[in-house]
Amino acid sequence: SIREVTGYVLVALNQFDYLPLENLRIIRGTKLYEDRYSLAIFLNYRRDGNFGLRQLGLKNLTEILSGGVYVDQNKFLCHADTIHWQDIVKSPRMNPVVVPTNSSVTCQKCHRSCNGRCWGPKEDQCQS
C-alpha cells in the first residue's frame, strides 16, 4: 500500500523472490543511502542455493526526485536492465544509475506490447 517514500528505499540481504511495492509511485530522496541513492537493491539471494530476488515489482514507480539508483549483485534478478531509468530519475546526469544486465539465464523477455521496457514478463508489467 506504500505510494510515496520521502527518503530512500533500501532492499538488501533478503531471500524473497518478489518485491511487492506495486503501488509505489514516487521516491522523493530527501535523505539518500550513502549520500547518493534513492533506490538501492543489492545482495538479495541465498549464497548456498538457487533462491533470491527475481522481480522488482515496482510497476508504478515513475519518479525519483533526488538521488540515483543502485541495483547490483542480485544473482537471480530479471528485468532491472529493461527499465529506462533515465525516465524515472529526475536528473540522471547528476545522479548515478548503476544497473547491470540480467545475471540469470532463466529470465523471460518482456511482453511484446511493452516495447522492451518492463518490470516483468507479463502484459501488465510494462514500464509506463
N, C-alpha and C. Protein backbone atom coordinates (compact mmCIF):
# COMPACT_ATOMS: atom_id res chain seq x y z
N SER A 1 0.81 -1.21 0.00
CA SER A 1 0.00 0.00 0.00
C SER A 1 0.85 1.27 0.00
N ILE A 2 2.17 1.16 0.08
CA ILE A 2 3.04 2.34 0.10
C ILE A 2 3.03 3.00 -1.27
N ARG A 3 2.70 4.29 -1.30
CA ARG A 3 2.63 5.03 -2.57
C ARG A 3 3.77 6.03 -2.73
N GLU A 4 4.29 6.50 -1.61
CA GLU A 4 5.31 7.55 -1.66
C GLU A 4 6.31 7.33 -0.54
N VAL A 5 7.59 7.56 -0.86
CA VAL A 5 8.66 7.48 0.13
C VAL A 5 9.36 8.83 0.16
N THR A 6 9.50 9.39 1.33
CA THR A 6 10.14 10.70 1.46
C THR A 6 11.66 10.59 1.31
N GLY A 7 12.25 9.61 1.95
CA GLY A 7 13.70 9.43 1.91
C GLY A 7 14.14 8.48 0.82
N TYR A 8 14.65 7.30 1.21
CA TYR A 8 15.14 6.33 0.23
C TYR A 8 14.56 4.94 0.52
N VAL A 9 14.68 4.07 -0.48
CA VAL A 9 14.26 2.67 -0.36
C VAL A 9 15.51 1.81 -0.43
N LEU A 10 15.74 1.01 0.60
CA LEU A 10 16.88 0.10 0.67
C LEU A 10 16.36 -1.32 0.84
N VAL A 11 16.73 -2.18 -0.09
CA VAL A 11 16.36 -3.60 -0.01
C VAL A 11 17.66 -4.38 -0.17
N ALA A 12 18.14 -4.97 0.93
CA ALA A 12 19.43 -5.66 0.89
C ALA A 12 19.41 -6.88 1.80
N LEU A 13 20.16 -7.90 1.39
CA LEU A 13 20.37 -9.11 2.18
C LEU A 13 19.08 -9.84 2.50
N ASN A 14 18.16 -9.90 1.54
CA ASN A 14 16.90 -10.62 1.70
C ASN A 14 16.91 -11.86 0.83
N GLN A 15 15.97 -12.77 1.09
CA GLN A 15 15.92 -14.01 0.34
C GLN A 15 14.56 -14.25 -0.31
N PHE A 16 13.70 -13.25 -0.39
CA PHE A 16 12.42 -13.42 -1.06
C PHE A 16 12.60 -13.27 -2.56
N ASP A 17 11.61 -13.73 -3.35
CA ASP A 17 11.77 -13.70 -4.81
C ASP A 17 11.06 -12.53 -5.48
N TYR A 18 10.21 -11.81 -4.74
CA TYR A 18 9.44 -10.73 -5.36
C TYR A 18 9.35 -9.56 -4.39
N LEU A 19 9.55 -8.35 -4.89
CA LEU A 19 9.47 -7.14 -4.08
C LEU A 19 8.09 -6.52 -4.28
N PRO A 20 7.17 -6.69 -3.33
CA PRO A 20 5.78 -6.26 -3.54
C PRO A 20 5.52 -4.79 -3.23
N LEU A 21 6.06 -3.92 -4.05
CA LEU A 21 5.82 -2.48 -3.89
C LEU A 21 5.12 -1.92 -5.13
N GLU A 22 4.05 -2.60 -5.56
CA GLU A 22 3.35 -2.23 -6.80
C GLU A 22 2.78 -0.82 -6.79
N ASN A 23 2.40 -0.33 -5.61
CA ASN A 23 1.75 0.98 -5.54
C ASN A 23 2.72 2.14 -5.39
N LEU A 24 4.00 1.86 -5.19
CA LEU A 24 4.98 2.93 -5.03
C LEU A 24 5.11 3.72 -6.33
N ARG A 25 4.83 5.02 -6.26
CA ARG A 25 4.87 5.89 -7.44
C ARG A 25 6.05 6.86 -7.44
N ILE A 26 6.42 7.31 -6.24
CA ILE A 26 7.43 8.36 -6.17
C ILE A 26 8.37 8.14 -4.97
N ILE A 27 9.66 8.37 -5.21
CA ILE A 27 10.67 8.39 -4.15
C ILE A 27 11.25 9.80 -4.17
N ARG A 28 11.04 10.54 -3.11
CA ARG A 28 11.47 11.95 -3.07
C ARG A 28 12.97 12.12 -2.85
N GLY A 29 13.60 11.23 -2.11
CA GLY A 29 15.04 11.31 -1.92
C GLY A 29 15.50 12.47 -1.06
N THR A 30 14.71 12.86 -0.06
CA THR A 30 15.14 13.94 0.83
C THR A 30 16.34 13.50 1.67
N LYS A 31 16.46 12.20 1.89
CA LYS A 31 17.62 11.60 2.54
C LYS A 31 18.06 10.46 1.63
N LEU A 32 19.36 10.32 1.38
CA LEU A 32 19.86 9.34 0.42
C LEU A 32 20.71 8.26 1.09
N TYR A 33 20.65 7.07 0.56
CA TYR A 33 21.51 5.98 1.00
C TYR A 33 22.92 6.25 0.49
N GLU A 34 23.89 6.22 1.39
CA GLU A 34 25.29 6.54 1.08
C GLU A 34 25.42 7.89 0.37
N ASP A 35 24.54 8.81 0.68
CA ASP A 35 24.52 10.17 0.12
C ASP A 35 24.43 10.20 -1.41
N ARG A 36 23.97 9.10 -2.03
CA ARG A 36 23.91 9.04 -3.49
C ARG A 36 22.64 8.43 -4.05
N TYR A 37 22.03 7.48 -3.33
CA TYR A 37 20.97 6.68 -3.94
C TYR A 37 19.62 6.81 -3.23
N SER A 38 18.57 6.95 -4.03
CA SER A 38 17.20 6.93 -3.52
C SER A 38 16.64 5.52 -3.52
N LEU A 39 17.16 4.70 -4.43
CA LEU A 39 16.73 3.31 -4.54
C LEU A 39 17.97 2.43 -4.58
N ALA A 40 18.14 1.59 -3.57
CA ALA A 40 19.30 0.69 -3.51
C ALA A 40 18.80 -0.73 -3.24
N ILE A 41 19.10 -1.62 -4.19
CA ILE A 41 18.66 -3.01 -4.09
C ILE A 41 19.87 -3.90 -4.40
N PHE A 42 20.38 -4.60 -3.40
CA PHE A 42 21.58 -5.41 -3.64
C PHE A 42 21.67 -6.60 -2.68
N LEU A 43 22.42 -7.61 -3.12
CA LEU A 43 22.71 -8.82 -2.35
C LEU A 43 21.45 -9.51 -1.83
N ASN A 44 20.46 -9.69 -2.72
CA ASN A 44 19.22 -10.33 -2.33
C ASN A 44 19.15 -11.75 -2.90
N TYR A 45 19.92 -12.64 -2.32
CA TYR A 45 19.89 -14.06 -2.70
C TYR A 45 20.60 -14.88 -1.62
N ARG A 46 20.30 -16.17 -1.62
CA ARG A 46 20.98 -17.10 -0.71
C ARG A 46 22.26 -17.58 -1.35
N ARG A 47 23.33 -17.48 -0.66
CA ARG A 47 24.63 -17.89 -1.21
C ARG A 47 24.71 -19.39 -1.46
N ASP A 48 23.98 -20.15 -0.69
CA ASP A 48 24.10 -21.61 -0.78
C ASP A 48 22.94 -22.26 -1.55
N GLY A 49 22.23 -21.50 -2.36
CA GLY A 49 21.10 -22.11 -3.05
C GLY A 49 20.71 -21.38 -4.31
N ASN A 50 19.55 -21.74 -4.83
CA ASN A 50 19.01 -21.13 -6.04
C ASN A 50 17.79 -20.30 -5.72
N PHE A 51 17.91 -19.45 -4.74
CA PHE A 51 16.77 -18.65 -4.32
C PHE A 51 17.20 -17.21 -4.09
N GLY A 52 16.37 -16.29 -4.52
CA GLY A 52 16.65 -14.87 -4.32
C GLY A 52 15.68 -14.01 -5.09
N LEU A 53 15.89 -12.72 -5.03
CA LEU A 53 15.01 -11.76 -5.69
C LEU A 53 15.03 -11.96 -7.20
N ARG A 54 13.86 -12.17 -7.79
CA ARG A 54 13.74 -12.40 -9.23
C ARG A 54 13.04 -11.26 -9.95
N GLN A 55 12.20 -10.51 -9.22
CA GLN A 55 11.43 -9.45 -9.86
C GLN A 55 11.27 -8.26 -8.91
N LEU A 56 11.40 -7.06 -9.45
CA LEU A 56 11.30 -5.87 -8.61
C LEU A 56 9.87 -5.51 -8.21
N GLY A 57 8.91 -5.64 -9.10
CA GLY A 57 7.53 -5.35 -8.75
C GLY A 57 7.25 -3.88 -8.48
N LEU A 58 7.98 -3.00 -9.12
CA LEU A 58 7.81 -1.55 -8.92
C LEU A 58 7.07 -0.93 -10.11
N LYS A 59 6.08 -1.61 -10.64
CA LYS A 59 5.49 -1.23 -11.93
C LYS A 59 4.85 0.15 -11.98
N ASN A 60 4.58 0.78 -10.84
CA ASN A 60 4.02 2.13 -10.85
C ASN A 60 5.03 3.22 -10.50
N LEU A 61 6.28 2.83 -10.30
CA LEU A 61 7.31 3.82 -9.98
C LEU A 61 7.61 4.66 -11.22
N THR A 62 7.33 5.95 -11.12
CA THR A 62 7.53 6.85 -12.27
C THR A 62 8.45 8.02 -11.96
N GLU A 63 8.74 8.27 -10.67
CA GLU A 63 9.56 9.44 -10.35
C GLU A 63 10.50 9.19 -9.17
N ILE A 64 11.76 9.56 -9.38
CA ILE A 64 12.74 9.66 -8.30
C ILE A 64 13.25 11.09 -8.37
N LEU A 65 12.85 11.91 -7.40
CA LEU A 65 13.11 13.35 -7.47
C LEU A 65 14.55 13.73 -7.17
N SER A 66 15.20 12.98 -6.29
CA SER A 66 16.59 13.28 -5.95
C SER A 66 17.31 11.96 -5.68
N GLY A 67 18.55 11.88 -6.09
CA GLY A 67 19.32 10.67 -5.87
C GLY A 67 19.25 9.71 -7.04
N GLY A 68 20.10 8.71 -7.00
CA GLY A 68 20.20 7.77 -8.10
C GLY A 68 19.64 6.39 -7.75
N VAL A 69 20.01 5.42 -8.58
CA VAL A 69 19.53 4.04 -8.45
C VAL A 69 20.74 3.11 -8.43
N TYR A 70 20.75 2.20 -7.47
CA TYR A 70 21.81 1.20 -7.39
C TYR A 70 21.14 -0.17 -7.27
N VAL A 71 21.24 -0.96 -8.32
CA VAL A 71 20.69 -2.32 -8.33
C VAL A 71 21.82 -3.23 -8.78
N ASP A 72 22.38 -4.00 -7.86
CA ASP A 72 23.54 -4.82 -8.21
C ASP A 72 23.62 -6.04 -7.31
N GLN A 73 24.32 -7.06 -7.78
CA GLN A 73 24.59 -8.28 -7.02
C GLN A 73 23.31 -8.96 -6.54
N ASN A 74 22.33 -9.04 -7.44
CA ASN A 74 21.10 -9.80 -7.19
C ASN A 74 21.13 -10.93 -8.20
N LYS A 75 21.68 -12.04 -7.80
CA LYS A 75 22.03 -13.16 -8.67
C LYS A 75 20.92 -13.63 -9.61
N PHE A 76 19.66 -13.55 -9.18
CA PHE A 76 18.56 -14.10 -9.96
C PHE A 76 17.61 -13.04 -10.51
N LEU A 77 17.93 -11.78 -10.31
CA LEU A 77 17.03 -10.69 -10.69
C LEU A 77 16.90 -10.54 -12.20
N CYS A 78 15.67 -10.39 -12.65
CA CYS A 78 15.37 -10.17 -14.06
C CYS A 78 14.73 -8.79 -14.25
N HIS A 79 14.86 -8.26 -15.44
CA HIS A 79 14.18 -7.06 -15.92
C HIS A 79 14.66 -5.72 -15.33
N ALA A 80 15.63 -5.71 -14.45
CA ALA A 80 16.14 -4.44 -13.95
C ALA A 80 16.79 -3.65 -15.08
N ASP A 81 17.37 -4.37 -16.04
CA ASP A 81 18.05 -3.70 -17.15
C ASP A 81 17.10 -3.35 -18.30
N THR A 82 15.84 -3.73 -18.21
CA THR A 82 14.89 -3.36 -19.26
C THR A 82 14.16 -2.07 -18.92
N ILE A 83 14.34 -1.57 -17.72
CA ILE A 83 13.72 -0.31 -17.31
C ILE A 83 14.55 0.86 -17.83
N HIS A 84 13.87 1.84 -18.36
CA HIS A 84 14.54 3.06 -18.82
C HIS A 84 14.61 4.00 -17.61
N TRP A 85 15.65 3.82 -16.79
CA TRP A 85 15.78 4.55 -15.52
C TRP A 85 15.89 6.05 -15.73
N GLN A 86 16.39 6.48 -16.89
CA GLN A 86 16.51 7.91 -17.17
C GLN A 86 15.15 8.60 -17.20
N ASP A 87 14.09 7.86 -17.48
CA ASP A 87 12.73 8.42 -17.45
C ASP A 87 12.21 8.57 -16.03
N ILE A 88 12.80 7.85 -15.08
CA ILE A 88 12.33 7.86 -13.70
C ILE A 88 13.15 8.82 -12.84
N VAL A 89 14.48 8.77 -13.01
CA VAL A 89 15.38 9.62 -12.22
C VAL A 89 15.32 11.04 -12.79
N LYS A 90 15.03 12.02 -11.92
CA LYS A 90 14.83 13.40 -12.38
C LYS A 90 16.07 13.99 -13.05
N SER A 91 17.24 13.77 -12.47
CA SER A 91 18.48 14.31 -13.03
C SER A 91 19.48 13.17 -13.22
N PRO A 92 19.30 12.33 -14.25
CA PRO A 92 20.19 11.17 -14.41
C PRO A 92 21.65 11.52 -14.65
N ARG A 93 21.92 12.71 -15.17
CA ARG A 93 23.33 13.10 -15.39
C ARG A 93 24.03 13.39 -14.07
N MET A 94 23.29 13.92 -13.10
CA MET A 94 23.88 14.26 -11.81
C MET A 94 23.83 13.09 -10.82
N ASN A 95 22.86 12.20 -10.99
CA ASN A 95 22.67 11.11 -10.04
C ASN A 95 23.05 9.78 -10.69
N PRO A 96 23.87 8.99 -10.01
CA PRO A 96 24.34 7.73 -10.60
C PRO A 96 23.23 6.69 -10.76
N VAL A 97 23.27 5.98 -11.87
CA VAL A 97 22.37 4.86 -12.10
C VAL A 97 23.25 3.64 -12.37
N VAL A 98 23.28 2.71 -11.42
CA VAL A 98 24.10 1.51 -11.53
C VAL A 98 23.16 0.31 -11.63
N VAL A 99 22.96 -0.18 -12.84
CA VAL A 99 22.08 -1.33 -13.07
C VAL A 99 22.75 -2.22 -14.11
N PRO A 100 23.28 -3.38 -13.68
CA PRO A 100 23.92 -4.28 -14.64
C PRO A 100 22.89 -5.04 -15.46
N THR A 101 23.34 -5.74 -16.47
CA THR A 101 22.43 -6.55 -17.26
C THR A 101 22.00 -7.77 -16.44
N ASN A 102 20.92 -8.41 -16.89
CA ASN A 102 20.40 -9.58 -16.18
C ASN A 102 21.50 -10.62 -15.97
N SER A 103 21.56 -11.12 -14.76
CA SER A 103 22.58 -12.13 -14.47
C SER A 103 22.01 -13.54 -14.57
N SER A 104 20.71 -13.68 -14.57
CA SER A 104 20.10 -15.00 -14.62
C SER A 104 19.77 -15.39 -16.05
N VAL A 105 20.16 -16.59 -16.42
CA VAL A 105 19.89 -17.09 -17.78
C VAL A 105 18.43 -17.52 -17.94
N THR A 106 17.70 -17.59 -16.84
CA THR A 106 16.31 -18.04 -16.89
C THR A 106 15.33 -16.88 -17.07
N CYS A 107 15.80 -15.67 -17.30
CA CYS A 107 14.92 -14.51 -17.44
C CYS A 107 14.07 -14.61 -18.72
N GLN A 108 12.78 -14.30 -18.56
CA GLN A 108 11.88 -14.24 -19.71
C GLN A 108 11.96 -12.85 -20.32
N LYS A 109 11.62 -12.74 -21.60
CA LYS A 109 11.60 -11.45 -22.28
C LYS A 109 10.36 -10.66 -21.87
N CYS A 110 10.40 -9.36 -22.11
CA CYS A 110 9.23 -8.51 -21.88
C CYS A 110 8.11 -8.94 -22.83
N HIS A 111 6.88 -8.71 -22.43
CA HIS A 111 5.74 -8.95 -23.32
C HIS A 111 5.91 -8.03 -24.53
N ARG A 112 5.48 -8.50 -25.69
CA ARG A 112 5.70 -7.73 -26.93
C ARG A 112 5.06 -6.34 -26.91
N SER A 113 4.00 -6.15 -26.14
CA SER A 113 3.35 -4.83 -26.08
C SER A 113 4.15 -3.82 -25.26
N CYS A 114 5.20 -4.27 -24.56
CA CYS A 114 6.00 -3.38 -23.71
C CYS A 114 7.15 -2.69 -24.45
N ASN A 115 7.38 -3.06 -25.69
CA ASN A 115 8.48 -2.48 -26.47
C ASN A 115 9.83 -2.58 -25.77
N GLY A 116 10.06 -3.71 -25.10
CA GLY A 116 11.35 -3.94 -24.47
C GLY A 116 11.57 -3.27 -23.13
N ARG A 117 10.56 -2.58 -22.59
CA ARG A 117 10.67 -1.87 -21.31
C ARG A 117 9.66 -2.43 -20.34
N CYS A 118 10.13 -3.23 -19.36
CA CYS A 118 9.17 -3.87 -18.46
C CYS A 118 9.77 -4.18 -17.10
N TRP A 119 8.87 -4.39 -16.14
CA TRP A 119 9.22 -4.81 -14.78
C TRP A 119 9.12 -6.32 -14.64
N GLY A 120 8.50 -6.96 -15.63
CA GLY A 120 8.30 -8.40 -15.61
C GLY A 120 7.80 -8.86 -16.97
N PRO A 121 7.61 -10.15 -17.17
CA PRO A 121 7.28 -10.69 -18.49
C PRO A 121 5.81 -10.55 -18.92
N LYS A 122 4.93 -10.15 -18.00
CA LYS A 122 3.51 -10.10 -18.32
C LYS A 122 3.11 -8.77 -18.96
N GLU A 123 1.96 -8.79 -19.63
CA GLU A 123 1.46 -7.62 -20.36
C GLU A 123 1.19 -6.43 -19.42
N ASP A 124 0.80 -6.69 -18.18
CA ASP A 124 0.51 -5.61 -17.24
C ASP A 124 1.73 -5.14 -16.47
N GLN A 125 2.92 -5.57 -16.90
CA GLN A 125 4.16 -5.18 -16.23
C GLN A 125 5.03 -4.27 -17.08
N CYS A 126 4.44 -3.62 -18.08
CA CYS A 126 5.20 -2.69 -18.92
C CYS A 126 5.56 -1.45 -18.11
N GLN A 127 6.68 -0.83 -18.46
CA GLN A 127 7.05 0.44 -17.83
C GLN A 127 6.19 1.52 -18.44
N SER A 128 5.55 2.32 -17.56
CA SER A 128 4.71 3.41 -18.08
C SER A 128 5.35 4.75 -17.79
